[in-house]
C-alpha atoms as a PDB file:
ATOM      1  CA  MET A   1      -0.012   0.134   0.162  1.00  0.00           C
ATOM      2  CA  ASP A   2       1.313   3.581  -0.978  1.00  0.00           C
ATOM      3  CA  ILE A   3       0.599   6.721   1.017  1.00  0.00           C
ATOM      4  CA  GLN A   4      -2.218   7.416  -1.553  1.00  0.00           C
ATOM      5  CA  ASP A   5      -3.811   4.439  -1.153  1.00  0.00           C
ATOM      6  CA  TYR A   6      -3.598   4.842   2.432  1.00  0.00           C
ATOM      7  CA  GLN A   7      -5.031   8.199   2.500  1.00  0.00           C
ATOM      8  CA  LEU A   8      -8.234   7.078   0.442  1.00  0.00           C
ATOM      9  CA  TRP A   9      -8.522   4.001   2.887  1.00  0.00           C
ATOM     10  CA  THR A  10      -8.917   5.980   5.941  1.00  0.00           C
ATOM     11  CA  ARG A  11     -12.117   7.110   4.635  1.00  0.00           C
ATOM     12  CA  GLU A  12     -13.547   3.905   5.655  1.00  0.00           C
ATOM     13  CA  THR A  13     -12.343   4.464   9.287  1.00  0.00           C
ATOM     14  CA  ALA A  14     -13.593   8.059   9.683  1.00  0.00           C
ATOM     15  CA  MET A  15     -16.208   7.993  12.231  1.00  0.00           C
ATOM     16  CA  TYR A  16     -16.450  11.578  12.923  1.00  0.00           C
ATOM     17  CA  SER A  17     -18.973  14.565  12.531  1.00  0.00           C
ATOM     18  CA  TRP A  18     -16.506  17.457  12.606  1.00  0.00           C
ATOM     19  CA  PRO A  19     -14.448  17.211   9.371  1.00  0.00           C
ATOM     20  CA  ILE A  20     -11.087  19.100   9.832  1.00  0.00           C
ATOM     21  CA  TYR A  21     -11.644  20.004  13.530  1.00  0.00           C
ATOM     22  CA  TYR A  22     -11.711  16.388  14.690  1.00  0.00           C
ATOM     23  CA  PRO A  23      -8.642  14.851  12.664  1.00  0.00           C
ATOM     24  CA  ALA A  24      -6.747  18.125  13.671  1.00  0.00           C
ATOM     25  CA  LEU A  25      -7.319  17.575  17.396  1.00  0.00           C
ATOM     26  CA  GLU A  26      -6.642  14.017  17.016  1.00  0.00           C
ATOM     27  CA  LEU A  27      -3.139  14.648  15.240  1.00  0.00           C
ATOM     28  CA  ALA A  28      -2.189  16.973  17.921  1.00  0.00           C
ATOM     29  CA  GLY A  29      -3.417  14.475  20.440  1.00  0.00           C
ATOM     30  CA  GLU A  30      -1.364  11.404  18.895  1.00  0.00           C
ATOM     31  CA  VAL A  31       1.761  13.679  18.650  1.00  0.00           C
ATOM     32  CA  GLY A  32       1.779  14.226  22.014  1.00  0.00           C
ATOM     33  CA  GLU A  33       1.408  10.339  22.758  1.00  0.00           C
ATOM     34  CA  VAL A  34       4.457   9.927  20.526  1.00  0.00           C
ATOM     35  CA  CYS A  35       6.194  12.614  22.517  1.00  0.00           C
ATOM     36  CA  ASN A  36       5.067  10.894  25.754  1.00  0.00           C
ATOM     37  CA  GLN A  37       6.591   7.616  24.690  1.00  0.00           C
ATOM     38  CA  ILE A  38      10.103   9.768  23.758  1.00  0.00           C
ATOM     39  CA  LYS A  39      10.131  11.259  27.420  1.00  0.00           C
ATOM     40  CA  LYS A  40       9.602   7.461  28.698  1.00  0.00           C
ATOM     41  CA  ILE A  41      13.002   6.402  26.720  1.00  0.00           C
ATOM     42  CA  HIS A  42      14.735   8.991  28.871  1.00  0.00           C
ATOM     43  CA  ARG A  43      12.787   8.454  32.030  1.00  0.00           C
ATOM     44  CA  ASP A  44      12.296   5.126  32.249  1.00  0.00           C
ATOM     45  CA  ASP A  45      14.588   3.159  29.725  1.00  0.00           C
ATOM     46  CA  GLY A  46      18.024   5.027  30.455  1.00  0.00           C
ATOM     47  CA  GLY A  47      18.077   6.559  26.871  1.00  0.00           C
ATOM     48  CA  VAL A  48      17.741   3.109  25.317  1.00  0.00           C
ATOM     49  CA  VAL A  49      15.152   2.564  22.527  1.00  0.00           C
ATOM     50  CA  THR A  50      13.809  -0.852  23.929  1.00  0.00           C
ATOM     51  CA  PRO A  51      12.057  -3.100  21.523  1.00  0.00           C
ATOM     52  CA  GLU A  52       8.777  -2.407  23.814  1.00  0.00           C
ATOM     53  CA  ARG A  53       8.989   1.126  23.484  1.00  0.00           C
ATOM     54  CA  LYS A  54       9.806   0.908  19.827  1.00  0.00           C
ATOM     55  CA  ALA A  55       6.446  -1.187  19.365  1.00  0.00           C
ATOM     56  CA  ALA A  56       4.808   1.549  21.345  1.00  0.00           C
ATOM     57  CA  LEU A  57       6.125   4.266  19.109  1.00  0.00           C
ATOM     58  CA  SER A  58       5.222   2.440  15.687  1.00  0.00           C
ATOM     59  CA  LYS A  59       1.692   2.299  17.039  1.00  0.00           C
ATOM     60  CA  GLU A  60       1.391   6.068  17.922  1.00  0.00           C
ATOM     61  CA  LEU A  61       3.352   6.967  14.407  1.00  0.00           C
ATOM     62  CA  GLY A  62       0.620   4.828  12.789  1.00  0.00           C
ATOM     63  CA  ASP A  63      -1.978   7.027  14.403  1.00  0.00           C
ATOM     64  CA  VAL A  64      -0.489   9.924  13.467  1.00  0.00           C
ATOM     65  CA  CYS A  65      -0.358   8.979   9.763  1.00  0.00           C
ATOM     66  CA  TRP A  66      -3.766   7.984  10.450  1.00  0.00           C
ATOM     67  CA  ALA A  67      -4.925  11.342  11.714  1.00  0.00           C
ATOM     68  CA  LEU A  68      -2.441  13.270   9.239  1.00  0.00           C
ATOM     69  CA  CYS A  69      -4.259  11.427   6.087  1.00  0.00           C
ATOM     70  CA  ARG A  70      -7.609  12.234   7.415  1.00  0.00           C
ATOM     71  CA  LEU A  71      -6.851  16.025   7.928  1.00  0.00           C
ATOM     72  CA  VAL A  72      -5.306  16.164   4.351  1.00  0.00           C
ATOM     73  CA  ASP A  73      -8.282  14.398   2.992  1.00  0.00           C
ATOM     74  CA  ASP A  74     -10.843  16.458   4.760  1.00  0.00           C
ATOM     75  CA  LEU A  75      -9.169  19.674   3.285  1.00  0.00           C
ATOM     76  CA  ASN A  76      -9.604  17.958  -0.222  1.00  0.00           C
ATOM     77  CA  LEU A  77      -5.603  17.914  -0.575  1.00  0.00           C
ATOM     78  CA  ASP A  78      -3.763  14.946  -2.241  1.00  0.00           C
ATOM     79  CA  ILE A  79      -1.116  13.548   0.443  1.00  0.00           C
ATOM     80  CA  THR A  80       1.477  13.008  -2.733  1.00  0.00           C
ATOM     81  CA  ASP A  81       1.168  16.789  -3.396  1.00  0.00           C
ATOM     82  CA  VAL A  82       1.717  17.770   0.308  1.00  0.00           C
ATOM     83  CA  LEU A  83       4.567  15.509   0.503  1.00  0.00           C
ATOM     84  CA  GLN A  84       5.902  16.742  -3.005  1.00  0.00           C
ATOM     85  CA  TYR A  85       5.587  20.187  -2.084  1.00  0.00           C
ATOM     86  CA  ASN A  86       7.559  19.633   1.265  1.00  0.00           C
ATOM     87  CA  TYR A  87      10.149  17.898  -0.481  1.00  0.00           C
ATOM     88  CA  VAL A  88      10.682  20.701  -3.104  1.00  0.00           C
ATOM     89  CA  LYS A  89      10.537  23.262  -0.459  1.00  0.00           C
ATOM     90  CA  LEU A  90      13.143  21.439   1.713  1.00  0.00           C
ATOM     91  CA  THR A  91      15.518  20.507  -1.048  1.00  0.00           C
ATOM     92  CA  ALA A  92      15.669  24.223  -2.048  1.00  0.00           C
ATOM     93  CA  ARG A  93      16.528  25.075   1.581  1.00  0.00           C
ATOM     94  CA  VAL A  94      19.429  22.446   1.645  1.00  0.00           C
ATOM     95  CA  LYS A  95      20.668  24.128  -1.588  1.00  0.00           C
ATOM     96  CA  ALA A  96      20.433  27.688  -0.301  1.00  0.00           C
ATOM     97  CA  GLY A  97      22.247  26.474   2.980  1.00  0.00           C
ATOM     98  CA  THR A  98      19.218  27.923   4.876  1.00  0.00           C
ATOM     99  CA  ILE A  99      18.040  24.438   6.123  1.00  0.00           C
ATOM    100  CA  LYS A 100      18.882  25.296   9.654  1.00  0.00           C
ATOM    101  CA  GLY A 101      17.165  28.899   9.625  1.00  0.00           C
ATOM    102  CA  SER A 102      13.760  30.023  10.889  1.00  0.00           C
ATOM    103  CA  GLY A 103      10.331  31.164   9.462  1.00  0.00           C
ATOM    104  CA  ASP A 104       8.893  29.976   6.268  1.00  0.00           C
ATOM    105  CA  ASN A 105      10.280  32.335   3.597  1.00  0.00           C
ATOM    106  CA  ARG A 106      13.811  31.470   3.360  1.00  0.00           C
END
C-alpha cells in the first residue's frame, strides 16, 4: 500500500462528524502520545530505545499518519502533493544553505 492508497483507505475509518476539526485535534493528541513515549525513553529506559518502546512508538506513529491523512483528505488535498511540496521546499533550503534557519520564507 502506498501513501495515497492509505489516504483513500482512511475514509473507511473516518467515524466523526466534525471534518477538519476532529482530525486536527486527533493529530495533536497523537503527536503528544509519541512525545510521551519519547519522554519515557529518557525517564524509564535510560535513554535506550527498547523493543517494547519501539513497538509502542510504531503504534502511535501509525495513529499520527491516520490523523494526518484524514486532515489532508478533509481539506480535499492529495497527500502526495503535500509531500512533494515539502520535498521541493526542503530541497531548495538545503541548496540555499538555509535548512538550519527559521521562518517559512527562507
